[in-house]
C-alpha atoms as a PDB file:
ATOM      1  CA  UNK A   1      75.319  42.575-100.691  1.00  0.00           C
ATOM      2  CA  UNK A   2      71.348  43.686-100.095  1.00  0.00           C
ATOM      3  CA  UNK A   3      69.100  44.056-102.330  1.00  0.00           C
ATOM      4  CA  UNK A   4      67.393  46.254-100.050  1.00  0.00           C
ATOM      5  CA  UNK A   5      67.975  50.023 -98.397  1.00  0.00           C
ATOM      6  CA  UNK A   6      67.573  51.738 -95.412  1.00  0.00           C
ATOM      7  CA  UNK A   7      67.059  55.582 -95.596  1.00  0.00           C
ATOM      8  CA  UNK A   8      66.554  58.689 -93.818  1.00  0.00           C
ATOM      9  CA  UNK A   9      64.819  60.836 -96.140  1.00  0.00           C
ATOM     10  CA  UNK A  10      62.438  64.191 -95.481  1.00  0.00           C
ATOM     11  CA  UNK A  11      62.531  63.494 -92.072  1.00  0.00           C
ATOM     12  CA  UNK A  12      61.021  59.893 -92.584  1.00  0.00           C
ATOM     13  CA  UNK A  13      62.963  56.385 -92.151  1.00  0.00           C
ATOM     14  CA  UNK A  14      62.436  54.369 -95.752  1.00  0.00           C
ATOM     15  CA  UNK A  15      62.922  50.912 -96.446  1.00  0.00           C
ATOM     16  CA  UNK A  16      63.654  51.307-100.371  1.00  0.00           C
ATOM     17  CA  UNK A  17      60.740  53.695-101.401  1.00  0.00           C
ATOM     18  CA  UNK A  18      58.025  52.967 -98.348  1.00  0.00           C
ATOM     19  CA  UNK A  19      57.491  54.427 -95.772  1.00  0.00           C
ATOM     20  CA  UNK A  20      58.829  52.589 -92.138  1.00  0.00           C
ATOM     21  CA  UNK A  21      58.204  52.197 -88.930  1.00  0.00           C
ATOM     22  CA  UNK A  22      60.504  50.358 -87.315  1.00  0.00           C
ATOM     23  CA  UNK A  23      59.351  47.385 -84.866  1.00  0.00           C
ATOM     24  CA  UNK A  24      62.319  45.353 -83.388  1.00  0.00           C
ATOM     25  CA  UNK A  25      64.415  43.379 -81.061  1.00  0.00           C
ATOM     26  CA  UNK A  26      67.417  43.816 -79.490  1.00  0.00           C
ATOM     27  CA  UNK A  27      70.174  40.698 -79.688  1.00  0.00           C
ATOM     28  CA  UNK A  28      72.794  42.261 -78.074  1.00  0.00           C
ATOM     29  CA  UNK A  29      74.879  39.374 -78.098  1.00  0.00           C
ATOM     30  CA  UNK A  30      73.731  37.499 -81.384  1.00  0.00           C
ATOM     31  CA  UNK A  31      77.736  37.054 -82.422  1.00  0.00           C
ATOM     32  CA  UNK A  32      78.891  35.247 -79.501  1.00  0.00           C
ATOM     33  CA  UNK A  33      79.219  32.094 -81.343  1.00  0.00           C
ATOM     34  CA  UNK A  34      78.327  30.598 -84.942  1.00  0.00           C
ATOM     35  CA  UNK A  35      75.584  28.574 -83.027  1.00  0.00           C
ATOM     36  CA  UNK A  36      73.564  31.472 -81.603  1.00  0.00           C
ATOM     37  CA  UNK A  37      74.039  33.644 -85.430  1.00  0.00           C
ATOM     38  CA  UNK A  38      72.610  30.382 -86.730  1.00  0.00           C
ATOM     39  CA  UNK A  39      70.262  30.348 -84.338  1.00  0.00           C
ATOM     40  CA  UNK A  40      69.208  34.035 -84.725  1.00  0.00           C
ATOM     41  CA  UNK A  41      68.769  33.723 -88.339  1.00  0.00           C
ATOM     42  CA  UNK A  42      67.020  30.651 -88.333  1.00  0.00           C
ATOM     43  CA  UNK A  43      64.151  32.534 -86.679  1.00  0.00           C
ATOM     44  CA  UNK A  44      63.832  35.224 -88.788  1.00  0.00           C
ATOM     45  CA  UNK A  45      61.363  34.494 -90.660  1.00  0.00           C
ATOM     46  CA  UNK A  46      59.069  33.989 -87.686  1.00  0.00           C
ATOM     47  CA  UNK A  47      59.545  37.200 -86.259  1.00  0.00           C
ATOM     48  CA  UNK A  48      58.612  38.084 -89.014  1.00  0.00           C
ATOM     49  CA  UNK A  49      55.014  36.578 -88.680  1.00  0.00           C
ATOM     50  CA  UNK A  50      54.687  38.441 -85.310  1.00  0.00           C
ATOM     51  CA  UNK A  51      55.077  41.518 -87.197  1.00  0.00           C
ATOM     52  CA  UNK A  52      58.814  42.085 -86.402  1.00  0.00           C
ATOM     53  CA  UNK A  53      60.602  43.874 -88.960  1.00  0.00           C
ATOM     54  CA  UNK A  54      63.745  44.953 -87.718  1.00  0.00           C
ATOM     55  CA  UNK A  55      66.848  43.820 -85.150  1.00  0.00           C
ATOM     56  CA  UNK A  56      69.604  44.622 -83.500  1.00  0.00           C
ATOM     57  CA  UNK A  57      73.251  42.977 -83.299  1.00  0.00           C
ATOM     58  CA  UNK A  58      76.510  44.459 -81.463  1.00  0.00           C
ATOM     59  CA  UNK A  59      80.103  44.440 -83.220  1.00  0.00           C
ATOM     60  CA  UNK A  60      81.131  45.388 -79.767  1.00  0.00           C
ATOM     61  CA  UNK A  61      78.875  42.670 -77.277  1.00  0.00           C
ATOM     62  CA  UNK A  62      77.294  44.183 -73.915  1.00  0.00           C
ATOM     63  CA  UNK A  63      77.302  42.813 -70.629  1.00  0.00           C
ATOM     64  CA  UNK A  64      78.344  39.085 -69.100  1.00  0.00           C
ATOM     65  CA  UNK A  65      78.750  37.962 -73.220  1.00  0.00           C
ATOM     66  CA  UNK A  66      82.089  40.612 -74.184  1.00  0.00           C
ATOM     67  CA  UNK A  67      82.136  39.697 -77.664  1.00  0.00           C
ATOM     68  CA  UNK A  68      85.655  42.013 -78.998  1.00  0.00           C
ATOM     69  CA  UNK A  69      84.295  42.388 -82.302  1.00  0.00           C
ATOM     70  CA  UNK A  70      86.743  44.790 -82.644  1.00  0.00           C
ATOM     71  CA  UNK A  71      90.512  44.456 -82.328  1.00  0.00           C
ATOM     72  CA  UNK A  72      92.282  46.838 -79.866  1.00  0.00           C
ATOM     73  CA  UNK A  73      94.582  48.492 -83.539  1.00  0.00           C
ATOM     74  CA  UNK A  74      90.040  49.037 -83.649  1.00  0.00           C
ATOM     75  CA  UNK A  75      89.795  46.649 -86.998  1.00  0.00           C
ATOM     76  CA  UNK A  76      86.919  44.401 -87.183  1.00  0.00           C
ATOM     77  CA  UNK A  77      87.372  40.923 -85.968  1.00  0.00           C
ATOM     78  CA  UNK A  78      86.902  38.861 -88.766  1.00  0.00           C
ATOM     79  CA  UNK A  79      85.364  36.174 -87.085  1.00  0.00           C
ATOM     80  CA  UNK A  80      82.866  37.885 -85.264  1.00  0.00           C
ATOM     81  CA  UNK A  81      82.292  40.300 -88.895  1.00  0.00           C
ATOM     82  CA  UNK A  82      81.263  37.434 -90.823  1.00  0.00           C
ATOM     83  CA  UNK A  83      78.596  36.700 -88.281  1.00  0.00           C
ATOM     84  CA  UNK A  84      77.318  39.998 -88.779  1.00  0.00           C
ATOM     85  CA  UNK A  85      77.427  39.528 -92.709  1.00  0.00           C
ATOM     86  CA  UNK A  86      75.376  36.354 -92.291  1.00  0.00           C
ATOM     87  CA  UNK A  87      72.989  38.594 -89.857  1.00  0.00           C
ATOM     88  CA  UNK A  88      72.241  41.215 -92.457  1.00  0.00           C
ATOM     89  CA  UNK A  89      72.078  38.966 -95.084  1.00  0.00           C
ATOM     90  CA  UNK A  90      69.763  36.944 -93.636  1.00  0.00           C
ATOM     91  CA  UNK A  91      67.724  40.037 -92.608  1.00  0.00           C
ATOM     92  CA  UNK A  92      67.588  40.984 -96.004  1.00  0.00           C
ATOM     93  CA  UNK A  93      65.479  38.236 -97.390  1.00  0.00           C
ATOM     94  CA  UNK A  94      63.002  39.275 -95.216  1.00  0.00           C
ATOM     95  CA  UNK A  95      62.878  42.834 -95.625  1.00  0.00           C
ATOM     96  CA  UNK A  96      64.518  43.581 -92.601  1.00  0.00           C
ATOM     97  CA  UNK A  97      66.714  46.021 -91.399  1.00  0.00           C
ATOM     98  CA  UNK A  98      69.755  45.478 -89.137  1.00  0.00           C
ATOM     99  CA  UNK A  99      70.628  48.132 -86.286  1.00  0.00           C
ATOM    100  CA  UNK A 100      74.792  47.402 -86.434  1.00  0.00           C
ATOM    101  CA  UNK A 101      75.570  48.865 -82.628  1.00  0.00           C
ATOM    102  CA  UNK A 102      78.984  49.505 -82.587  1.00  0.00           C
ATOM    103  CA  UNK A 103      80.650  50.869 -79.244  1.00  0.00           C
ATOM    104  CA  UNK A 104      79.224  48.620 -76.418  1.00  0.00           C
ATOM    105  CA  UNK A 105      81.625  50.260 -72.725  1.00  0.00           C
ATOM    106  CA  UNK A 106      80.176  50.439 -69.719  1.00  0.00           C
ATOM    107  CA  UNK A 107      81.314  46.710 -67.426  1.00  0.00           C
ATOM    108  CA  UNK A 108      81.539  44.992 -70.360  1.00  0.00           C
ATOM    109  CA  UNK A 109      84.597  43.736 -71.228  1.00  0.00           C
ATOM    110  CA  UNK A 110      84.497  43.927 -74.861  1.00  0.00           C
ATOM    111  CA  UNK A 111      86.031  47.558 -74.399  1.00  0.00           C
ATOM    112  CA  UNK A 112      89.653  47.878 -75.163  1.00  0.00           C
ATOM    113  CA  UNK A 113      90.881  50.605 -72.206  1.00  0.00           C
ATOM    114  CA  UNK A 114      93.816  51.965 -74.275  1.00  0.00           C
ATOM    115  CA  UNK A 115      91.386  53.444 -77.255  1.00  0.00           C
ATOM    116  CA  UNK A 116      91.894  57.161 -77.337  1.00  0.00           C
ATOM    117  CA  UNK A 117      88.673  58.894 -79.172  1.00  0.00           C
ATOM    118  CA  UNK A 118      91.455  57.901 -82.377  1.00  0.00           C
ATOM    119  CA  UNK A 119      90.750  54.733 -82.016  1.00  0.00           C
ATOM    120  CA  UNK A 120      86.980  54.805 -81.661  1.00  0.00           C
ATOM    121  CA  UNK A 121      86.453  57.182 -84.463  1.00  0.00           C
ATOM    122  CA  UNK A 122      88.070  54.160 -86.644  1.00  0.00           C
ATOM    123  CA  UNK A 123      86.590  51.689 -85.333  1.00  0.00           C
ATOM    124  CA  UNK A 124      83.070  53.160 -86.830  1.00  0.00           C
ATOM    125  CA  UNK A 125      85.502  54.699 -90.031  1.00  0.00           C
ATOM    126  CA  UNK A 126      86.207  50.735 -90.400  1.00  0.00           C
ATOM    127  CA  UNK A 127      82.276  49.594 -89.601  1.00  0.00           C
ATOM    128  CA  UNK A 128      81.290  51.712 -92.232  1.00  0.00           C
ATOM    129  CA  UNK A 129      83.831  50.943 -94.708  1.00  0.00           C
ATOM    130  CA  UNK A 130      83.325  47.008 -94.012  1.00  0.00           C
ATOM    131  CA  UNK A 131      79.312  47.857 -94.684  1.00  0.00           C
ATOM    132  CA  UNK A 132      80.220  49.840 -97.974  1.00  0.00           C
ATOM    133  CA  UNK A 133      82.782  47.312 -98.937  1.00  0.00           C
ATOM    134  CA  UNK A 134      80.095  44.524 -98.539  1.00  0.00           C
ATOM    135  CA  UNK A 135      77.095  46.761 -99.771  1.00  0.00           C
ATOM    136  CA  UNK A 136      75.126  46.250 -97.020  1.00  0.00           C
ATOM    137  CA  UNK A 137      72.385  48.549 -97.045  1.00  0.00           C
ATOM    138  CA  UNK A 138      69.319  47.747 -95.372  1.00  0.00           C
ATOM    139  CA  UNK A 139      71.323  48.758 -91.786  1.00  0.00           C
ATOM    140  CA  UNK A 140      71.633  52.170 -89.333  1.00  0.00           C
ATOM    141  CA  UNK A 141      75.021  52.562 -87.198  1.00  0.00           C
ATOM    142  CA  UNK A 142      74.464  53.219 -83.560  1.00  0.00           C
ATOM    143  CA  UNK A 143      77.842  54.122 -82.575  1.00  0.00           C
ATOM    144  CA  UNK A 144      77.473  54.196 -79.199  1.00  0.00           C
ATOM    145  CA  UNK A 145      75.395  52.473 -76.925  1.00  0.00           C
ATOM    146  CA  UNK A 146      73.302  54.490 -74.184  1.00  0.00           C
ATOM    147  CA  UNK A 147      76.642  56.984 -74.823  1.00  0.00           C
ATOM    148  CA  UNK A 148      78.514  54.386 -72.469  1.00  0.00           C
ATOM    149  CA  UNK A 149      81.874  55.287 -74.172  1.00  0.00           C
ATOM    150  CA  UNK A 150      81.040  59.123 -74.016  1.00  0.00           C
ATOM    151  CA  UNK A 151      80.008  58.871 -70.459  1.00  0.00           C
ATOM    152  CA  UNK A 152      83.502  56.266 -69.286  1.00  0.00           C
ATOM    153  CA  UNK A 153      85.741  58.123 -71.504  1.00  0.00           C
ATOM    154  CA  UNK A 154      84.758  60.998 -73.283  1.00  0.00           C
ATOM    155  CA  UNK A 155      84.295  60.193 -76.678  1.00  0.00           C
ATOM    156  CA  UNK A 156      82.655  62.496 -78.615  1.00  0.00           C
ATOM    157  CA  UNK A 157      79.387  61.432 -80.317  1.00  0.00           C
ATOM    158  CA  UNK A 158      80.380  63.793 -83.250  1.00  0.00           C
ATOM    159  CA  UNK A 159      83.310  62.502 -83.638  1.00  0.00           C
ATOM    160  CA  UNK A 160      82.646  58.996 -84.365  1.00  0.00           C
ATOM    161  CA  UNK A 161      79.223  60.114 -86.474  1.00  0.00           C
ATOM    162  CA  UNK A 162      81.879  62.240 -88.994  1.00  0.00           C
ATOM    163  CA  UNK A 163      84.539  59.491 -89.031  1.00  0.00           C
ATOM    164  CA  UNK A 164      81.369  56.960 -90.095  1.00  0.00           C
ATOM    165  CA  UNK A 165      80.141  59.661 -92.400  1.00  0.00           C
ATOM    166  CA  UNK A 166      83.543  60.673 -94.075  1.00  0.00           C
ATOM    167  CA  UNK A 167      84.001  56.953 -95.437  1.00  0.00           C
ATOM    168  CA  UNK A 168      80.310  57.116 -97.182  1.00  0.00           C
ATOM    169  CA  UNK A 169      77.787  59.758 -96.242  1.00  0.00           C
ATOM    170  CA  UNK A 170      74.910  57.765 -97.866  1.00  0.00           C
ATOM    171  CA  UNK A 171      75.097  55.327 -94.689  1.00  0.00           C
ATOM    172  CA  UNK A 172      72.732  55.961 -92.278  1.00  0.00           C
ATOM    173  CA  UNK A 173      73.982  57.221 -88.581  1.00  0.00           C
ATOM    174  CA  UNK A 174      72.711  57.603 -84.963  1.00  0.00           C
ATOM    175  CA  UNK A 175      74.311  58.485 -81.466  1.00  0.00           C
ATOM    176  CA  UNK A 176      72.473  56.912 -78.328  1.00  0.00           C
ATOM    177  CA  UNK A 177      73.393  59.403 -75.268  1.00  0.00           C
ATOM    178  CA  UNK A 178      71.466  62.097 -73.628  1.00  0.00           C
ATOM    179  CA  UNK A 179      71.180  64.869 -75.135  1.00  0.00           C
ATOM    180  CA  UNK A 180      70.175  65.851 -78.395  1.00  0.00           C
ATOM    181  CA  UNK A 181      71.433  63.908 -81.924  1.00  0.00           C
ATOM    182  CA  UNK A 182      74.815  66.298 -83.785  1.00  0.00           C
ATOM    183  CA  UNK A 183      74.050  67.430 -86.719  1.00  0.00           C
ATOM    184  CA  UNK A 184      75.660  65.396 -89.053  1.00  0.00           C
ATOM    185  CA  UNK A 185      73.352  62.064 -87.132  1.00  0.00           C
ATOM    186  CA  UNK A 186      70.409  61.157 -89.422  1.00  0.00           C
ATOM    187  CA  UNK A 187      68.662  60.359 -86.419  1.00  0.00           C
ATOM    188  CA  UNK A 188      68.107  59.458 -82.602  1.00  0.00           C
ATOM    189  CA  UNK A 189      68.103  56.592 -80.810  1.00  0.00           C
ATOM    190  CA  UNK A 190      67.244  54.986 -77.372  1.00  0.00           C
ATOM    191  CA  UNK A 191      68.547  58.006 -74.751  1.00  0.00           C
ATOM    192  CA  UNK A 192      68.884  60.262 -77.222  1.00  0.00           C
ATOM    193  CA  UNK A 193      66.348  63.581 -77.026  1.00  0.00           C
ATOM    194  CA  UNK A 194      63.831  63.310 -79.875  1.00  0.00           C
ATOM    195  CA  UNK A 195      65.136  65.478 -82.275  1.00  0.00           C
ATOM    196  CA  UNK A 196      63.835  68.958 -82.076  1.00  0.00           C
ATOM    197  CA  UNK A 197      64.448  69.011 -86.026  1.00  0.00           C
ATOM    198  CA  UNK A 198      61.936  66.941 -86.711  1.00  0.00           C
ATOM    199  CA  UNK A 199      64.498  63.873 -87.386  1.00  0.00           C
ATOM    200  CA  UNK A 200      63.031  60.445 -86.497  1.00  0.00           C
ATOM    201  CA  UNK A 201      63.692  58.554 -83.300  1.00  0.00           C
ATOM    202  CA  UNK A 202      64.201  55.100 -82.393  1.00  0.00           C
ATOM    203  CA  UNK A 203      63.324  52.901 -78.721  1.00  0.00           C
ATOM    204  CA  UNK A 204      65.787  50.687 -79.706  1.00  0.00           C
ATOM    205  CA  UNK A 205      65.871  49.252 -76.105  1.00  0.00           C
ATOM    206  CA  UNK A 206      62.312  49.497 -74.726  1.00  0.00           C
ATOM    207  CA  UNK A 207      61.529  47.882 -71.060  1.00  0.00           C
ATOM    208  CA  UNK A 208      58.998  48.451 -68.857  1.00  0.00           C
ATOM    209  CA  UNK A 209      59.360  51.491 -66.374  1.00  0.00           C
ATOM    210  CA  UNK A 210      57.941  49.971 -63.577  1.00  0.00           C
ATOM    211  CA  UNK A 211      60.283  46.281 -62.223  1.00  0.00           C
ATOM    212  CA  UNK A 212      59.707  46.420 -58.692  1.00  0.00           C
ATOM    213  CA  UNK A 213      63.136  47.226 -58.039  1.00  0.00           C
ATOM    214  CA  UNK A 214      65.401  50.474 -56.991  1.00  0.00           C
ATOM    215  CA  UNK A 215      67.569  50.894 -60.638  1.00  0.00           C
ATOM    216  CA  UNK A 216      64.837  49.736 -62.637  1.00  0.00           C
ATOM    217  CA  UNK A 217      64.761  46.754 -65.296  1.00  0.00           C
ATOM    218  CA  UNK A 218      68.709  46.878 -65.379  1.00  0.00           C
ATOM    219  CA  UNK A 219      69.184  46.891 -62.156  1.00  0.00           C
ATOM    220  CA  UNK A 220      68.024  45.447 -59.059  1.00  0.00           C
ATOM    221  CA  UNK A 221      65.738  43.733 -61.084  1.00  0.00           C
ATOM    222  CA  UNK A 222      68.314  41.331 -63.171  1.00  0.00           C
ATOM    223  CA  UNK A 223      71.682  41.663 -61.642  1.00  0.00           C
ATOM    224  CA  UNK A 224      72.572  40.520 -58.685  1.00  0.00           C
ATOM    225  CA  UNK A 225      75.755  41.986 -57.002  1.00  0.00           C
ATOM    226  CA  UNK A 226      78.794  39.420 -57.385  1.00  0.00           C
ATOM    227  CA  UNK A 227      76.890  37.057 -60.121  1.00  0.00           C
ATOM    228  CA  UNK A 228      78.205  37.754 -63.836  1.00  0.00           C
ATOM    229  CA  UNK A 229      75.031  37.260 -65.396  1.00  0.00           C
ATOM    230  CA  UNK A 230      71.091  37.903 -65.440  1.00  0.00           C
ATOM    231  CA  UNK A 231      68.596  37.283 -63.130  1.00  0.00           C
ATOM    232  CA  UNK A 232      64.626  37.190 -63.561  1.00  0.00           C
ATOM    233  CA  UNK A 233      65.207  35.872 -67.573  1.00  0.00           C
ATOM    234  CA  UNK A 234      62.939  36.375 -69.454  1.00  0.00           C
ATOM    235  CA  UNK A 235      60.517  37.067 -66.366  1.00  0.00           C
ATOM    236  CA  UNK A 236      57.881  39.754 -66.188  1.00  0.00           C
ATOM    237  CA  UNK A 237      55.291  40.683 -63.486  1.00  0.00           C
ATOM    238  CA  UNK A 238      51.637  41.441 -64.988  1.00  0.00           C
ATOM    239  CA  UNK A 239      52.529  44.929 -64.279  1.00  0.00           C
ATOM    240  CA  UNK A 240      55.578  45.015 -66.236  1.00  0.00           C
ATOM    241  CA  UNK A 241      53.726  43.403 -69.013  1.00  0.00           C
ATOM    242  CA  UNK A 242      50.857  46.136 -69.132  1.00  0.00           C
ATOM    243  CA  UNK A 243      53.666  48.771 -69.004  1.00  0.00           C
ATOM    244  CA  UNK A 244      55.424  47.551 -71.742  1.00  0.00           C
ATOM    245  CA  UNK A 245      52.423  47.325 -74.274  1.00  0.00           C
ATOM    246  CA  UNK A 246      52.003  51.122 -73.574  1.00  0.00           C
ATOM    247  CA  UNK A 247      54.752  51.694 -74.504  1.00  0.00           C
ATOM    248  CA  UNK A 248      55.078  49.913 -77.674  1.00  0.00           C
ATOM    249  CA  UNK A 249      51.959  51.510 -78.500  1.00  0.00           C
ATOM    250  CA  UNK A 250      53.013  55.145 -77.475  1.00  0.00           C
ATOM    251  CA  UNK A 251      55.801  54.926 -79.463  1.00  0.00           C
ATOM    252  CA  UNK A 252      54.220  53.620 -82.502  1.00  0.00           C
ATOM    253  CA  UNK A 253      51.417  55.345 -82.760  1.00  0.00           C
ATOM    254  CA  UNK A 254      53.492  58.666 -83.155  1.00  0.00           C
ATOM    255  CA  UNK A 255      55.211  57.338 -85.811  1.00  0.00           C
ATOM    256  CA  UNK A 256      58.469  56.765 -83.427  1.00  0.00           C
ATOM    257  CA  UNK A 257      59.656  52.749 -83.811  1.00  0.00           C
ATOM    258  CA  UNK A 258      60.284  50.790 -80.580  1.00  0.00           C
ATOM    259  CA  UNK A 259      62.593  47.476 -80.524  1.00  0.00           C
ATOM    260  CA  UNK A 260      62.031  45.253 -77.633  1.00  0.00           C
ATOM    261  CA  UNK A 261      64.881  45.088 -75.153  1.00  0.00           C
ATOM    262  CA  UNK A 262      64.574  41.634 -72.838  1.00  0.00           C
ATOM    263  CA  UNK A 263      67.375  39.830 -71.013  1.00  0.00           C
ATOM    264  CA  UNK A 264      65.899  36.557 -72.747  1.00  0.00           C
ATOM    265  CA  UNK A 265      67.154  38.037 -76.042  1.00  0.00           C
ATOM    266  CA  UNK A 266      70.758  39.132 -74.813  1.00  0.00           C
ATOM    267  CA  UNK A 267      71.452  37.534 -72.050  1.00  0.00           C
ATOM    268  CA  UNK A 268      75.132  35.543 -72.367  1.00  0.00           C
ATOM    269  CA  UNK A 269      75.657  31.946 -72.481  1.00  0.00           C
ATOM    270  CA  UNK A 270      74.630  29.611 -70.662  1.00  0.00           C
ATOM    271  CA  UNK A 271      71.615  31.623 -69.914  1.00  0.00           C
ATOM    272  CA  UNK A 272      70.964  32.736 -73.503  1.00  0.00           C
ATOM    273  CA  UNK A 273      70.904  34.691 -75.809  1.00  0.00           C
ATOM    274  CA  UNK A 274      67.804  33.076 -76.409  1.00  0.00           C
ATOM    275  CA  UNK A 275      66.040  33.581 -80.098  1.00  0.00           C
ATOM    276  CA  UNK A 276      63.481  31.233 -79.969  1.00  0.00           C
ATOM    277  CA  UNK A 277      60.383  33.411 -78.521  1.00  0.00           C
ATOM    278  CA  UNK A 278      59.538  31.420 -74.941  1.00  0.00           C
ATOM    279  CA  UNK A 279      55.710  31.939 -73.237  1.00  0.00           C
ATOM    280  CA  UNK A 280      54.066  33.590 -71.427  1.00  0.00           C
ATOM    281  CA  UNK A 281      56.888  35.550 -69.341  1.00  0.00           C
ATOM    282  CA  UNK A 282      56.377  33.599 -65.998  1.00  0.00           C
ATOM    283  CA  UNK A 283      58.817  32.428 -63.844  1.00  0.00           C
ATOM    284  CA  UNK A 284      57.755  29.062 -64.730  1.00  0.00           C
ATOM    285  CA  UNK A 285      57.559  30.238 -68.453  1.00  0.00           C
ATOM    286  CA  UNK A 286      59.904  33.028 -69.723  1.00  0.00           C
ATOM    287  CA  UNK A 287      59.937  34.769 -72.302  1.00  0.00           C
ATOM    288  CA  UNK A 288      58.908  37.188 -74.429  1.00  0.00           C
ATOM    289  CA  UNK A 289      55.908  35.595 -77.048  1.00  0.00           C
ATOM    290  CA  UNK A 290      53.173  37.545 -75.091  1.00  0.00           C
ATOM    291  CA  UNK A 291      54.526  40.573 -76.297  1.00  0.00           C
ATOM    292  CA  UNK A 292      55.375  39.029 -79.631  1.00  0.00           C
ATOM    293  CA  UNK A 293      51.280  38.453 -79.445  1.00  0.00           C
ATOM    294  CA  UNK A 294      50.896  41.756 -78.529  1.00  0.00           C
ATOM    295  CA  UNK A 295      52.314  43.055 -81.779  1.00  0.00           C
ATOM    296  CA  UNK A 296      50.547  40.492 -84.390  1.00  0.00           C
ATOM    297  CA  UNK A 297      47.652  41.275 -82.580  1.00  0.00           C
ATOM    298  CA  UNK A 298      47.564  45.426 -82.814  1.00  0.00           C
ATOM    299  CA  UNK A 299      49.875  45.516 -85.448  1.00  0.00           C
ATOM    300  CA  UNK A 300      49.505  42.499 -88.097  1.00  0.00           C
ATOM    301  CA  UNK A 301      52.198  40.503 -89.131  1.00  0.00           C
ATOM    302  CA  UNK A 302      55.433  42.312 -91.471  1.00  0.00           C
ATOM    303  CA  UNK A 303      54.094  41.943 -95.079  1.00  0.00           C
ATOM    304  CA  UNK A 304      57.343  44.061 -97.230  1.00  0.00           C
END
């Protein structure tokens, strides 16, 4: 059970009865072990001193972590559900919001090739049911990371949202594919178009646009053919750092939430996930402390 409630109301995001602008960090592989989960929880209070009030964590873990938070029958694996629950409860103690990521397709080995739309819908319904049973309310559900399952298997994200809302319409659900969020979604995140009807938007996977690589930050800058893991973990050029800060300001100053995404934060073992902030982002001092210091100096600590 949580004390705090995340809501979309009157086309704005709220935590309890106060306007809430998300400033977050993306942790897509933090359910990989009890140790990783405990380490994230141990750093939550530190994050708030820099202004962070939100985090994202995924049931179906992302590239190289391959966390199978769903069983093949689309039920939640109790081991991963327990870890997610501990994170949600700990975040609530700091009045933080948690984006609960569901499907993660693409090259991740966490996906189930046997799934059809039926199982995908059931996974979302089971996630919302679990949140409801535990009365976890400081959450936002992201049904399909970057619309990857939509792109790879044609899973209709509108059906995913409806499946979750059919369990309990009071839980906030977002979509994450290229396009307008369906009318049943409360808001859009990341790849989603900013809703034309004024529903809120959060950039939940913010990275610099100017990485010196063919396919950008998540392309050749972070991956190398034949290597199952990330390269340049927590490393940025000065130009990349400057652009990351510009993007952060563009979103937050216009009332749109922003989450930093980094190989530093979401790398799988043994490279990560790194919940300590590291340093300046250079090859000799990798990390994301530089962004956290920017956030704090421009927006202050999070004091709910």
